[in-house]
């Protein structure tokens, strides 16, 4: 069968598509999008950020293993990415933008959103 797991080795060998995705997210105007579209962009950005972190820091079994290696000691708190011209951390995205920004509630998924952004 096929797998839905990310191939970190493949991403490390050729990160060009991931980098291109990250560059596009730098300037996307999330606030100008319809709520469903904004939520999709935010979820994709969150997942892309975690993939980029795992690739950059050569993750072991879990991204949590990387905490001692990142500035500030927490992958959730460090601002790894620029999204809509603002530096954000994984926590900023999930809690500040998706949950507190109300995108999840506006599309009827306030509780379920945790499963979409927890890797």
PDB file of N, CA and C in Angstrom:
ATOM      1  N   UNK A   1       0.802  -1.182   0.000  1.00  0.00           N
ATOM      2  CA  UNK A   1       0.000   0.000   0.000  1.00  0.00           C
ATOM      3  C   UNK A   1       0.851   1.254   0.000  1.00  0.00           C
ATOM      4  N   UNK A   2       0.187   2.347  -0.103  1.00  0.00           N
ATOM      5  CA  UNK A   2       0.886   3.637  -0.085  1.00  0.00           C
ATOM      6  C   UNK A   2       0.849   4.215   1.327  1.00  0.00           C
ATOM      7  N   UNK A   3       1.681   5.199   1.550  1.00  0.00           N
ATOM      8  CA  UNK A   3       1.757   5.831   2.852  1.00  0.00           C
ATOM      9  C   UNK A   3       1.452   7.315   2.715  1.00  0.00           C
ATOM     10  N   UNK A   4       0.976   7.900   3.782  1.00  0.00           N
ATOM     11  CA  UNK A   4       0.719   9.340   3.793  1.00  0.00           C
ATOM     12  C   UNK A   4       1.760  10.058   4.638  1.00  0.00           C
ATOM     13  N   UNK A   5       2.768   9.322   5.074  1.00  0.00           N
ATOM     14  CA  UNK A   5       3.815   9.914   5.897  1.00  0.00           C
ATOM     15  C   UNK A   5       4.772  10.725   5.033  1.00  0.00           C
ATOM     16  N   UNK A   6       5.340  11.756   5.620  1.00  0.00           N
ATOM     17  CA  UNK A   6       6.313  12.581   4.899  1.00  0.00           C
ATOM     18  C   UNK A   6       7.648  11.853   4.816  1.00  0.00           C
ATOM     19  N   UNK A   7       8.308  11.987   3.698  1.00  0.00           N
ATOM     20  CA  UNK A   7       9.646  11.443   3.538  1.00  0.00           C
ATOM     21  C   UNK A   7      10.644  12.569   3.785  1.00  0.00           C
ATOM     22  N   UNK A   8      11.162  12.629   5.005  1.00  0.00           N
ATOM     23  CA  UNK A   8      12.098  13.691   5.367  1.00  0.00           C
ATOM     24  C   UNK A   8      13.390  13.573   4.567  1.00  0.00           C
ATOM     25  N   UNK A   9      13.799  12.352   4.281  1.00  0.00           N
ATOM     26  CA  UNK A   9      15.019  12.154   3.489  1.00  0.00           C
ATOM     27  C   UNK A   9      14.849  12.746   2.093  1.00  0.00           C
ATOM     28  N   UNK A  10      13.694  12.521   1.484  1.00  0.00           N
ATOM     29  CA  UNK A  10      13.425  13.075   0.157  1.00  0.00           C
ATOM     30  C   UNK A  10      13.382  14.595   0.216  1.00  0.00           C
ATOM     31  N   UNK A  11      12.734  15.134   1.226  1.00  0.00           N
ATOM     32  CA  UNK A  11      12.674  16.595   1.379  1.00  0.00           C
ATOM     33  C   UNK A  11      14.064  17.193   1.598  1.00  0.00           C
ATOM     34  N   UNK A  12      14.914  16.497   2.338  1.00  0.00           N
ATOM     35  CA  UNK A  12      16.285  16.989   2.553  1.00  0.00           C
ATOM     36  C   UNK A  12      17.083  16.978   1.247  1.00  0.00           C
ATOM     37  N   UNK A  13      16.890  15.938   0.437  1.00  0.00           N
ATOM     38  CA  UNK A  13      17.610  15.830  -0.837  1.00  0.00           C
ATOM     39  C   UNK A  13      17.203  16.937  -1.806  1.00  0.00           C
ATOM     40  N   UNK A  14      15.907  17.258  -1.831  1.00  0.00           N
ATOM     41  CA  UNK A  14      15.422  18.295  -2.741  1.00  0.00           C
ATOM     42  C   UNK A  14      14.323  19.103  -2.047  1.00  0.00           C
ATOM     43  N   UNK A  15      14.726  20.104  -1.275  1.00  0.00           N
ATOM     44  CA  UNK A  15      13.736  20.913  -0.558  1.00  0.00           C
ATOM     45  C   UNK A  15      13.125  22.040  -1.398  1.00  0.00           C
ATOM     46  N   UNK A  16      13.358  22.054  -2.703  1.00  0.00           N
ATOM     47  CA  UNK A  16      12.948  23.187  -3.544  1.00  0.00           C
ATOM     48  C   UNK A  16      11.432  23.427  -3.514  1.00  0.00           C
ATOM     49  N   UNK A  17      10.626  22.387  -3.558  1.00  0.00           N
ATOM     50  CA  UNK A  17       9.163  22.580  -3.542  1.00  0.00           C
ATOM     51  C   UNK A  17       8.686  23.087  -2.190  1.00  0.00           C
ATOM     52  N   UNK A  18       9.270  22.575  -1.126  1.00  0.00           N
ATOM     53  CA  UNK A  18       8.914  23.057   0.211  1.00  0.00           C
ATOM     54  C   UNK A  18       9.325  24.519   0.366  1.00  0.00           C
ATOM     55  N   UNK A  19      10.508  24.864  -0.099  1.00  0.00           N
ATOM     56  CA  UNK A  19      10.965  26.260  -0.026  1.00  0.00           C
ATOM     57  C   UNK A  19      10.071  27.181  -0.850  1.00  0.00           C
ATOM     58  N   UNK A  20       9.662  26.724  -2.026  1.00  0.00           N
ATOM     59  CA  UNK A  20       8.772  27.534  -2.871  1.00  0.00           C
ATOM     60  C   UNK A  20       7.441  27.775  -2.166  1.00  0.00           C
ATOM     61  N   UNK A  21       6.926  26.752  -1.530  1.00  0.00           N
ATOM     62  CA  UNK A  21       5.682  26.880  -0.768  1.00  0.00           C
ATOM     63  C   UNK A  21       5.856  27.895   0.361  1.00  0.00           C
ATOM     64  N   UNK A  22       6.956  27.778   1.084  1.00  0.00           N
ATOM     65  CA  UNK A  22       7.221  28.693   2.203  1.00  0.00           C
ATOM     66  C   UNK A  22       7.353  30.139   1.709  1.00  0.00           C
ATOM     67  N   UNK A  23       7.985  30.335   0.564  1.00  0.00           N
ATOM     68  CA  UNK A  23       8.118  31.696   0.002  1.00  0.00           C
ATOM     69  C   UNK A  23       6.757  32.282  -0.342  1.00  0.00           C
ATOM     70  N   UNK A  24       5.874  31.482  -0.901  1.00  0.00           N
ATOM     71  CA  UNK A  24       4.530  31.970  -1.239  1.00  0.00           C
ATOM     72  C   UNK A  24       3.761  32.377   0.017  1.00  0.00           C
ATOM     73  N   UNK A  25       3.956  31.639   1.089  1.00  0.00           N
ATOM     74  CA  UNK A  25       3.238  31.934   2.330  1.00  0.00           C
ATOM     75  C   UNK A  25       3.706  33.229   2.989  1.00  0.00           C
ATOM     76  N   UNK A  26       4.913  33.660   2.651  1.00  0.00           N
ATOM     77  CA  UNK A  26       5.445  34.894   3.243  1.00  0.00           C
ATOM     78  C   UNK A  26       4.539  36.086   2.992  1.00  0.00           C
ATOM     79  N   UNK A  27       3.964  36.168   1.806  1.00  0.00           N
ATOM     80  CA  UNK A  27       3.221  37.371   1.436  1.00  0.00           C
ATOM     81  C   UNK A  27       1.735  37.151   1.192  1.00  0.00           C
ATOM     82  N   UNK A  28       1.241  35.935   1.373  1.00  0.00           N
ATOM     83  CA  UNK A  28      -0.190  35.701   1.168  1.00  0.00           C
ATOM     84  C   UNK A  28      -0.980  36.573   2.150  1.00  0.00           C
ATOM     85  N   UNK A  29      -2.052  37.181   1.677  1.00  0.00           N
ATOM     86  CA  UNK A  29      -2.884  38.045   2.522  1.00  0.00           C
ATOM     87  C   UNK A  29      -4.033  37.213   3.079  1.00  0.00           C
ATOM     88  N   UNK A  30      -3.787  36.555   4.210  1.00  0.00           N
ATOM     89  CA  UNK A  30      -4.767  35.656   4.813  1.00  0.00           C
ATOM     90  C   UNK A  30      -6.061  36.400   5.127  1.00  0.00           C
ATOM     91  N   UNK A  31      -5.964  37.623   5.619  1.00  0.00           N
ATOM     92  CA  UNK A  31      -7.147  38.396   6.013  1.00  0.00           C
ATOM     93  C   UNK A  31      -8.061  38.693   4.825  1.00  0.00           C
ATOM     94  N   UNK A  32      -7.523  38.705   3.620  1.00  0.00           N
ATOM     95  CA  UNK A  32      -8.333  39.012   2.439  1.00  0.00           C
ATOM     96  C   UNK A  32      -9.068  37.781   1.901  1.00  0.00           C
ATOM     97  N   UNK A  33      -8.766  36.618   2.431  1.00  0.00           N
ATOM     98  CA  UNK A  33      -9.366  35.378   1.942  1.00  0.00           C
ATOM     99  C   UNK A  33     -10.690  35.085   2.627  1.00  0.00           C
ATOM    100  N   UNK A  34     -11.535  34.323   1.968  1.00  0.00           N
ATOM    101  CA  UNK A  34     -12.758  33.816   2.597  1.00  0.00           C
ATOM    102  C   UNK A  34     -12.337  32.921   3.769  1.00  0.00           C
ATOM    103  N   UNK A  35     -13.156  32.830   4.826  1.00  0.00           N
ATOM    104  CA  UNK A  35     -12.765  32.050   6.008  1.00  0.00           C
ATOM    105  C   UNK A  35     -12.294  30.633   5.714  1.00  0.00           C
ATOM    106  N   UNK A  36     -12.982  29.902   4.847  1.00  0.00           N
ATOM    107  CA  UNK A  36     -12.559  28.524   4.528  1.00  0.00           C
ATOM    108  C   UNK A  36     -11.201  28.514   3.837  1.00  0.00           C
ATOM    109  N   UNK A  37     -10.999  29.447   2.920  1.00  0.00           N
ATOM    110  CA  UNK A  37      -9.714  29.531   2.217  1.00  0.00           C
ATOM    111  C   UNK A  37      -8.599  29.934   3.177  1.00  0.00           C
ATOM    112  N   UNK A  38      -8.889  30.884   4.053  1.00  0.00           N
ATOM    113  CA  UNK A  38      -7.893  31.329   5.038  1.00  0.00           C
ATOM    114  C   UNK A  38      -7.519  30.174   5.959  1.00  0.00           C
ATOM    115  N   UNK A  39      -8.510  29.424   6.406  1.00  0.00           N
ATOM    116  CA  UNK A  39      -8.242  28.288   7.286  1.00  0.00           C
ATOM    117  C   UNK A  39      -7.383  27.252   6.565  1.00  0.00           C
ATOM    118  N   UNK A  40      -7.679  26.975   5.296  1.00  0.00           N
ATOM    119  CA  UNK A  40      -6.876  26.013   4.529  1.00  0.00           C
ATOM    120  C   UNK A  40      -5.433  26.492   4.409  1.00  0.00           C
ATOM    121  N   UNK A  41      -5.242  27.776   4.130  1.00  0.00           N
ATOM    122  CA  UNK A  41      -3.886  28.329   4.029  1.00  0.00           C
ATOM    123  C   UNK A  41      -3.173  28.214   5.362  1.00  0.00           C
ATOM    124  N   UNK A  42      -3.853  28.540   6.461  1.00  0.00           N
ATOM    125  CA  UNK A  42      -3.227  28.485   7.780  1.00  0.00           C
ATOM    126  C   UNK A  42      -2.845  27.064   8.174  1.00  0.00           C
ATOM    127  N   UNK A  43      -3.708  26.107   7.890  1.00  0.00           N
ATOM    128  CA  UNK A  43      -3.390  24.702   8.193  1.00  0.00           C
ATOM    129  C   UNK A  43      -2.209  24.239   7.342  1.00  0.00           C
ATOM    130  N   UNK A  44      -2.233  24.559   6.054  1.00  0.00           N
ATOM    131  CA  UNK A  44      -1.119  24.183   5.182  1.00  0.00           C
ATOM    132  C   UNK A  44       0.173  24.860   5.614  1.00  0.00           C
ATOM    133  N   UNK A  45       0.094  26.114   6.025  1.00  0.00           N
ATOM    134  CA  UNK A  45       1.281  26.829   6.498  1.00  0.00           C
ATOM    135  C   UNK A  45       1.834  26.188   7.758  1.00  0.00           C
ATOM    136  N   UNK A  46       0.956  25.807   8.647  1.00  0.00           N
ATOM    137  CA  UNK A  46       1.380  25.159   9.888  1.00  0.00           C
ATOM    138  C   UNK A  46       2.082  23.840   9.596  1.00  0.00           C
ATOM    139  N   UNK A  47       1.506  23.046   8.715  1.00  0.00           N
ATOM    140  CA  UNK A  47       2.123  21.767   8.369  1.00  0.00           C
ATOM    141  C   UNK A  47       3.437  21.962   7.616  1.00  0.00           C
ATOM    142  N   UNK A  48       3.484  22.946   6.719  1.00  0.00           N
ATOM    143  CA  UNK A  48       4.726  23.228   5.983  1.00  0.00           C
ATOM    144  C   UNK A  48       5.826  23.672   6.946  1.00  0.00           C
ATOM    145  N   UNK A  49       5.453  24.476   7.947  1.00  0.00           N
ATOM    146  CA  UNK A  49       6.450  24.937   8.914  1.00  0.00           C
ATOM    147  C   UNK A  49       7.033  23.755   9.688  1.00  0.00           C
ATOM    148  N   UNK A  50       6.193  22.841  10.128  1.00  0.00           N
ATOM    149  CA  UNK A  50       6.688  21.682  10.880  1.00  0.00           C
ATOM    150  C   UNK A  50       7.566  20.810   9.986  1.00  0.00           C
ATOM    151  N   UNK A  51       7.180  20.628   8.729  1.00  0.00           N
ATOM    152  CA  UNK A  51       8.033  19.876   7.800  1.00  0.00           C
ATOM    153  C   UNK A  51       9.389  20.559   7.639  1.00  0.00           C
ATOM    154  N   UNK A  52       9.379  21.876   7.485  1.00  0.00           N
ATOM    155  CA  UNK A  52      10.633  22.620   7.323  1.00  0.00           C
ATOM    156  C   UNK A  52      11.506  22.511   8.566  1.00  0.00           C
ATOM    157  N   UNK A  53      10.899  22.566   9.731  1.00  0.00           N
ATOM    158  CA  UNK A  53      11.645  22.423  10.991  1.00  0.00           C
ATOM    159  C   UNK A  53      12.275  21.038  11.054  1.00  0.00           C
ATOM    160  N   UNK A  54      11.485  20.010  10.760  1.00  0.00           N
ATOM    161  CA  UNK A  54      11.976  18.632  10.822  1.00  0.00           C
ATOM    162  C   UNK A  54      13.123  18.406   9.841  1.00  0.00           C
ATOM    163  N   UNK A  55      12.998  18.977   8.649  1.00  0.00           N
ATOM    164  CA  UNK A  55      14.046  18.824   7.648  1.00  0.00           C
ATOM    165  C   UNK A  55      15.297  19.591   8.059  1.00  0.00           C
ATOM    166  N   UNK A  56      15.126  20.840   8.466  1.00  0.00           N
ATOM    167  CA  UNK A  56      16.272  21.687   8.820  1.00  0.00           C
ATOM    168  C   UNK A  56      17.059  21.124  10.006  1.00  0.00           C
ATOM    169  N   UNK A  57      16.347  20.680  11.029  1.00  0.00           N
ATOM    170  CA  UNK A  57      17.011  20.187  12.242  1.00  0.00           C
ATOM    171  C   UNK A  57      17.242  18.690  12.237  1.00  0.00           C
ATOM    172  N   UNK A  58      16.951  18.031  11.109  1.00  0.00           N
ATOM    173  CA  UNK A  58      17.201  16.596  10.971  1.00  0.00           C
ATOM    174  C   UNK A  58      16.572  15.811  12.124  1.00  0.00           C
ATOM    175  N   UNK A  59      15.265  15.903  12.205  1.00  0.00           N
ATOM    176  CA  UNK A  59      14.508  15.314  13.309  1.00  0.00           C
ATOM    177  C   UNK A  59      14.806  13.842  13.503  1.00  0.00           C
ATOM    178  N   UNK A  60      14.700  13.400  14.742  1.00  0.00           N
ATOM    179  CA  UNK A  60      14.899  11.990  15.073  1.00  0.00           C
ATOM    180  C   UNK A  60      13.539  11.288  14.948  1.00  0.00           C
ATOM    181  N   UNK A  61      12.924  10.946  16.060  1.00  0.00           N
ATOM    182  CA  UNK A  61      11.620  10.286  16.023  1.00  0.00           C
ATOM    183  C   UNK A  61      10.470  11.285  16.085  1.00  0.00           C
ATOM    184  N   UNK A  62      10.645  12.326  16.858  1.00  0.00           N
ATOM    185  CA  UNK A  62       9.573  13.291  17.068  1.00  0.00           C
ATOM    186  C   UNK A  62      10.132  14.706  16.971  1.00  0.00           C
ATOM    187  N   UNK A  63       9.324  15.640  16.482  1.00  0.00           N
ATOM    188  CA  UNK A  63       9.775  17.030  16.461  1.00  0.00           C
ATOM    189  C   UNK A  63      10.021  17.537  17.875  1.00  0.00           C
ATOM    190  N   UNK A  64       9.399  16.929  18.850  1.00  0.00           N
ATOM    191  CA  UNK A  64       9.622  17.329  20.248  1.00  0.00           C
ATOM    192  C   UNK A  64      11.067  17.068  20.676  1.00  0.00           C
ATOM    193  N   UNK A  65      11.713  16.095  20.029  1.00  0.00           N
ATOM    194  CA  UNK A  65      13.127  15.823  20.318  1.00  0.00           C
ATOM    195  C   UNK A  65      14.013  17.006  19.938  1.00  0.00           C
ATOM    196  N   UNK A  66      13.478  17.906  19.132  1.00  0.00           N
ATOM    197  CA  UNK A  66      14.250  19.050  18.657  1.00  0.00           C
ATOM    198  C   UNK A  66      14.256  20.227  19.626  1.00  0.00           C
ATOM    199  N   UNK A  67      13.395  20.210  20.630  1.00  0.00           N
ATOM    200  CA  UNK A  67      13.304  21.352  21.554  1.00  0.00           C
ATOM    201  C   UNK A  67      14.656  21.848  22.059  1.00  0.00           C
ATOM    202  N   UNK A  68      15.569  20.984  22.508  1.00  0.00           N
ATOM    203  CA  UNK A  68      16.853  21.489  22.998  1.00  0.00           C
ATOM    204  C   UNK A  68      17.721  22.130  21.912  1.00  0.00           C
ATOM    205  N   UNK A  69      17.412  21.868  20.646  1.00  0.00           N
ATOM    206  CA  UNK A  69      18.246  22.355  19.550  1.00  0.00           C
ATOM    207  C   UNK A  69      17.777  23.674  18.941  1.00  0.00           C
ATOM    208  N   UNK A  70      16.576  24.118  19.286  1.00  0.00           N
ATOM    209  CA  UNK A  70      16.054  25.352  18.681  1.00  0.00           C
ATOM    210  C   UNK A  70      16.234  26.532  19.638  1.00  0.00           C
ATOM    211  N   UNK A  71      16.358  27.729  19.092  1.00  0.00           N
ATOM    212  CA  UNK A  71      16.476  28.914  19.948  1.00  0.00           C
ATOM    213  C   UNK A  71      15.282  29.003  20.904  1.00  0.00           C
ATOM    214  N   UNK A  72      15.538  29.234  22.153  1.00  0.00           N
ATOM    215  CA  UNK A  72      14.477  29.334  23.147  1.00  0.00           C
ATOM    216  C   UNK A  72      14.010  28.001  23.703  1.00  0.00           C
ATOM    217  N   UNK A  73      14.471  26.893  23.106  1.00  0.00           N
ATOM    218  CA  UNK A  73      14.176  25.570  23.646  1.00  0.00           C
ATOM    219  C   UNK A  73      12.789  25.023  23.372  1.00  0.00           C
ATOM    220  N   UNK A  74      12.026  25.643  22.463  1.00  0.00           N
ATOM    221  CA  UNK A  74      10.690  25.129  22.167  1.00  0.00           C
ATOM    222  C   UNK A  74      10.369  25.324  20.693  1.00  0.00           C
ATOM    223  N   UNK A  75      10.078  24.237  19.998  1.00  0.00           N
ATOM    224  CA  UNK A  75       9.695  24.375  18.598  1.00  0.00           C
ATOM    225  C   UNK A  75       8.352  25.083  18.471  1.00  0.00           C
ATOM    226  N   UNK A  76       7.537  25.035  19.502  1.00  0.00           N
ATOM    227  CA  UNK A  76       6.205  25.650  19.446  1.00  0.00           C
ATOM    228  C   UNK A  76       6.268  27.167  19.595  1.00  0.00           C
ATOM    229  N   UNK A  77       7.282  27.680  20.285  1.00  0.00           N
ATOM    230  CA  UNK A  77       7.360  29.115  20.588  1.00  0.00           C
ATOM    231  C   UNK A  77       8.274  29.910  19.653  1.00  0.00           C
ATOM    232  N   UNK A  78       9.243  29.245  19.017  1.00  0.00           N
ATOM    233  CA  UNK A  78      10.194  29.966  18.174  1.00  0.00           C
ATOM    234  C   UNK A  78       9.525  30.396  16.857  1.00  0.00           C
ATOM    235  N   UNK A  79       9.772  31.615  16.445  1.00  0.00           N
ATOM    236  CA  UNK A  79       9.181  32.167  15.218  1.00  0.00           C
ATOM    237  C   UNK A  79      10.032  31.766  14.017  1.00  0.00           C
ATOM    238  N   UNK A  80       9.684  30.626  13.438  1.00  0.00           N
ATOM    239  CA  UNK A  80      10.437  30.028  12.339  1.00  0.00           C
ATOM    240  C   UNK A  80      10.054  30.579  10.971  1.00  0.00           C
ATOM    241  N   UNK A  81       8.877  31.131  10.838  1.00  0.00           N
ATOM    242  CA  UNK A  81       8.319  31.367   9.514  1.00  0.00           C
ATOM    243  C   UNK A  81       7.730  32.760   9.391  1.00  0.00           C
ATOM    244  N   UNK A  82       7.722  33.265   8.166  1.00  0.00           N
ATOM    245  CA  UNK A  82       7.000  34.498   7.870  1.00  0.00           C
ATOM    246  C   UNK A  82       5.715  34.116   7.154  1.00  0.00           C
ATOM    247  N   UNK A  83       4.604  34.592   7.681  1.00  0.00           N
ATOM    248  CA  UNK A  83       3.286  34.348   7.107  1.00  0.00           C
ATOM    249  C   UNK A  83       2.575  35.682   7.020  1.00  0.00           C
ATOM    250  N   UNK A  84       2.146  36.057   5.857  1.00  0.00           N
ATOM    251  CA  UNK A  84       1.482  37.355   5.660  1.00  0.00           C
ATOM    252  C   UNK A  84       2.353  38.494   6.179  1.00  0.00           C
ATOM    253  N   UNK A  85       3.649  38.402   5.892  1.00  0.00           N
ATOM    254  CA  UNK A  85       4.629  39.432   6.266  1.00  0.00           C
ATOM    255  C   UNK A  85       4.835  39.578   7.780  1.00  0.00           C
ATOM    256  N   UNK A  86       4.487  38.555   8.550  1.00  0.00           N
ATOM    257  CA  UNK A  86       4.672  38.566  10.009  1.00  0.00           C
ATOM    258  C   UNK A  86       5.385  37.286  10.423  1.00  0.00           C
ATOM    259  N   UNK A  87       6.407  37.404  11.270  1.00  0.00           N
ATOM    260  CA  UNK A  87       7.092  36.213  11.790  1.00  0.00           C
ATOM    261  C   UNK A  87       6.162  35.495  12.762  1.00  0.00           C
ATOM    262  N   UNK A  88       6.031  34.177  12.597  1.00  0.00           N
ATOM    263  CA  UNK A  88       5.129  33.387  13.432  1.00  0.00           C
ATOM    264  C   UNK A  88       5.794  32.090  13.884  1.00  0.00           C
ATOM    265  N   UNK A  89       5.319  31.601  15.020  1.00  0.00           N
ATOM    266  CA  UNK A  89       5.719  30.303  15.553  1.00  0.00           C
ATOM    267  C   UNK A  89       4.577  29.319  15.299  1.00  0.00           C
ATOM    268  N   UNK A  90       4.805  28.029  15.492  1.00  0.00           N
ATOM    269  CA  UNK A  90       3.691  27.086  15.397  1.00  0.00           C
ATOM    270  C   UNK A  90       2.547  27.432  16.363  1.00  0.00           C
ATOM    271  N   UNK A  91       2.885  27.865  17.584  1.00  0.00           N
ATOM    272  CA  UNK A  91       1.832  28.283  18.522  1.00  0.00           C
ATOM    273  C   UNK A  91       1.084  29.509  18.027  1.00  0.00           C
ATOM    274  N   UNK A  92       1.805  30.469  17.449  1.00  0.00           N
ATOM    275  CA  UNK A  92       1.149  31.663  16.901  1.00  0.00           C
ATOM    276  C   UNK A  92       0.103  31.261  15.865  1.00  0.00           C
ATOM    277  N   UNK A  93       0.458  30.323  15.015  1.00  0.00           N
ATOM    278  CA  UNK A  93      -0.470  29.893  13.973  1.00  0.00           C
ATOM    279  C   UNK A  93      -1.691  29.193  14.551  1.00  0.00           C
ATOM    280  N   UNK A  94      -1.445  28.149  15.348  1.00  0.00           N
ATOM    281  CA  UNK A  94      -2.590  27.376  15.844  1.00  0.00           C
ATOM    282  C   UNK A  94      -3.445  28.173  16.815  1.00  0.00           C
ATOM    283  N   UNK A  95      -2.806  28.781  17.792  1.00  0.00           N
ATOM    284  CA  UNK A  95      -3.590  29.430  18.846  1.00  0.00           C
ATOM    285  C   UNK A  95      -3.928  30.880  18.531  1.00  0.00           C
ATOM    286  N   UNK A  96      -2.985  31.620  17.959  1.00  0.00           N
ATOM    287  CA  UNK A  96      -3.232  33.029  17.689  1.00  0.00           C
ATOM    288  C   UNK A  96      -4.052  33.278  16.441  1.00  0.00           C
ATOM    289  N   UNK A  97      -3.769  32.555  15.381  1.00  0.00           N
ATOM    290  CA  UNK A  97      -4.450  32.812  14.113  1.00  0.00           C
ATOM    291  C   UNK A  97      -5.655  31.898  13.886  1.00  0.00           C
ATOM    292  N   UNK A  98      -5.442  30.607  14.007  1.00  0.00           N
ATOM    293  CA  UNK A  98      -6.523  29.666  13.681  1.00  0.00           C
ATOM    294  C   UNK A  98      -7.615  29.686  14.742  1.00  0.00           C
ATOM    295  N   UNK A  99      -7.239  29.558  16.001  1.00  0.00           N
ATOM    296  CA  UNK A  99      -8.249  29.513  17.067  1.00  0.00           C
ATOM    297  C   UNK A  99      -8.709  30.911  17.476  1.00  0.00           C
ATOM    298  N   UNK A 100      -7.785  31.742  17.953  1.00  0.00           N
ATOM    299  CA  UNK A 100      -8.160  33.073  18.431  1.00  0.00           C
ATOM    300  C   UNK A 100      -8.523  34.002  17.278  1.00  0.00           C
ATOM    301  N   UNK A 101      -7.981  33.754  16.107  1.00  0.00           N
ATOM    302  CA  UNK A 101      -8.360  34.521  14.925  1.00  0.00           C
ATOM    303  C   UNK A 101      -9.736  34.123  14.430  1.00  0.00           C
ATOM    304  N   UNK A 102     -10.281  33.101  15.047  1.00  0.00           N
ATOM    305  CA  UNK A 102     -11.664  32.677  14.847  1.00  0.00           C
ATOM    306  C   UNK A 102     -11.935  31.978  13.517  1.00  0.00           C
ATOM    307  N   UNK A 103     -10.890  31.666  12.760  1.00  0.00           N
ATOM    308  CA  UNK A 103     -11.128  31.003  11.475  1.00  0.00           C
ATOM    309  C   UNK A 103     -11.768  29.631  11.668  1.00  0.00           C
ATOM    310  N   UNK A 104     -11.310  28.891  12.660  1.00  0.00           N
ATOM    311  CA  UNK A 104     -11.858  27.547  12.899  1.00  0.00           C
ATOM    312  C   UNK A 104     -13.337  27.629  13.275  1.00  0.00           C
ATOM    313  N   UNK A 105     -13.689  28.568  14.140  1.00  0.00           N
ATOM    314  CA  UNK A 105     -15.088  28.708  14.553  1.00  0.00           C
ATOM    315  C   UNK A 105     -15.975  29.159  13.393  1.00  0.00           C
ATOM    316  N   UNK A 106     -15.464  30.046  12.543  1.00  0.00           N
ATOM    317  CA  UNK A 106     -16.267  30.558  11.431  1.00  0.00           C
ATOM    318  C   UNK A 106     -16.607  29.492  10.402  1.00  0.00           C
ATOM    319  N   UNK A 107     -15.838  28.433  10.355  1.00  0.00           N
ATOM    320  CA  UNK A 107     -16.159  27.354   9.423  1.00  0.00           C
ATOM    321  C   UNK A 107     -16.747  26.142  10.149  1.00  0.00           C
ATOM    322  N   UNK A 108     -17.079  26.318  11.422  1.00  0.00           N
ATOM    323  CA  UNK A 108     -17.742  25.262  12.185  1.00  0.00           C
ATOM    324  C   UNK A 108     -16.846  24.150  12.671  1.00  0.00           C
ATOM    325  N   UNK A 109     -15.559  24.449  12.901  1.00  0.00           N
ATOM    326  CA  UNK A 109     -14.614  23.419  13.338  1.00  0.00           C
ATOM    327  C   UNK A 109     -13.789  23.853  14.554  1.00  0.00           C
ATOM    328  N   UNK A 110     -14.365  24.496  15.553  1.00  0.00           N
ATOM    329  CA  UNK A 110     -13.516  25.014  16.633  1.00  0.00           C
ATOM    330  C   UNK A 110     -12.762  23.942  17.411  1.00  0.00           C
ATOM    331  N   UNK A 111     -13.372  22.816  17.698  1.00  0.00           N
ATOM    332  CA  UNK A 111     -12.690  21.765  18.450  1.00  0.00           C
ATOM    333  C   UNK A 111     -11.878  20.834  17.576  1.00  0.00           C
ATOM    334  N   UNK A 112     -12.379  20.568  16.399  1.00  0.00           N
ATOM    335  CA  UNK A 112     -11.749  19.608  15.506  1.00  0.00           C
ATOM    336  C   UNK A 112     -10.431  20.091  14.923  1.00  0.00           C
ATOM    337  N   UNK A 113     -10.187  21.376  14.954  1.00  0.00           N
ATOM    338  CA  UNK A 113      -9.028  21.949  14.293  1.00  0.00           C
ATOM    339  C   UNK A 113      -7.713  21.406  14.867  1.00  0.00           C
ATOM    340  N   UNK A 114      -7.729  21.020  16.126  1.00  0.00           N
ATOM    341  CA  UNK A 114      -6.525  20.490  16.770  1.00  0.00           C
ATOM    342  C   UNK A 114      -5.965  19.304  15.970  1.00  0.00           C
ATOM    343  N   UNK A 115      -6.838  18.484  15.427  1.00  0.00           N
ATOM    344  CA  UNK A 115      -6.391  17.302  14.686  1.00  0.00           C
ATOM    345  C   UNK A 115      -5.777  17.657  13.341  1.00  0.00           C
ATOM    346  N   UNK A 116      -6.169  18.773  12.772  1.00  0.00           N
ATOM    347  CA  UNK A 116      -5.640  19.171  11.466  1.00  0.00           C
ATOM    348  C   UNK A 116      -4.242  19.756  11.573  1.00  0.00           C
ATOM    349  N   UNK A 117      -3.900  20.304  12.725  1.00  0.00           N
ATOM    350  CA  UNK A 117      -2.606  20.988  12.850  1.00  0.00           C
ATOM    351  C   UNK A 117      -1.665  20.308  13.830  1.00  0.00           C
ATOM    352  N   UNK A 118      -1.992  19.143  14.290  1.00  0.00           N
ATOM    353  CA  UNK A 118      -1.086  18.426  15.172  1.00  0.00           C
ATOM    354  C   UNK A 118      -0.560  17.197  14.462  1.00  0.00           C
ATOM    355  N   UNK A 119       0.661  17.303  14.196  1.00  0.00           N
ATOM    356  CA  UNK A 119       1.451  16.570  13.246  1.00  0.00           C
ATOM    357  C   UNK A 119       1.749  15.214  13.764  1.00  0.00           C
TER     358      UNK A 119
END
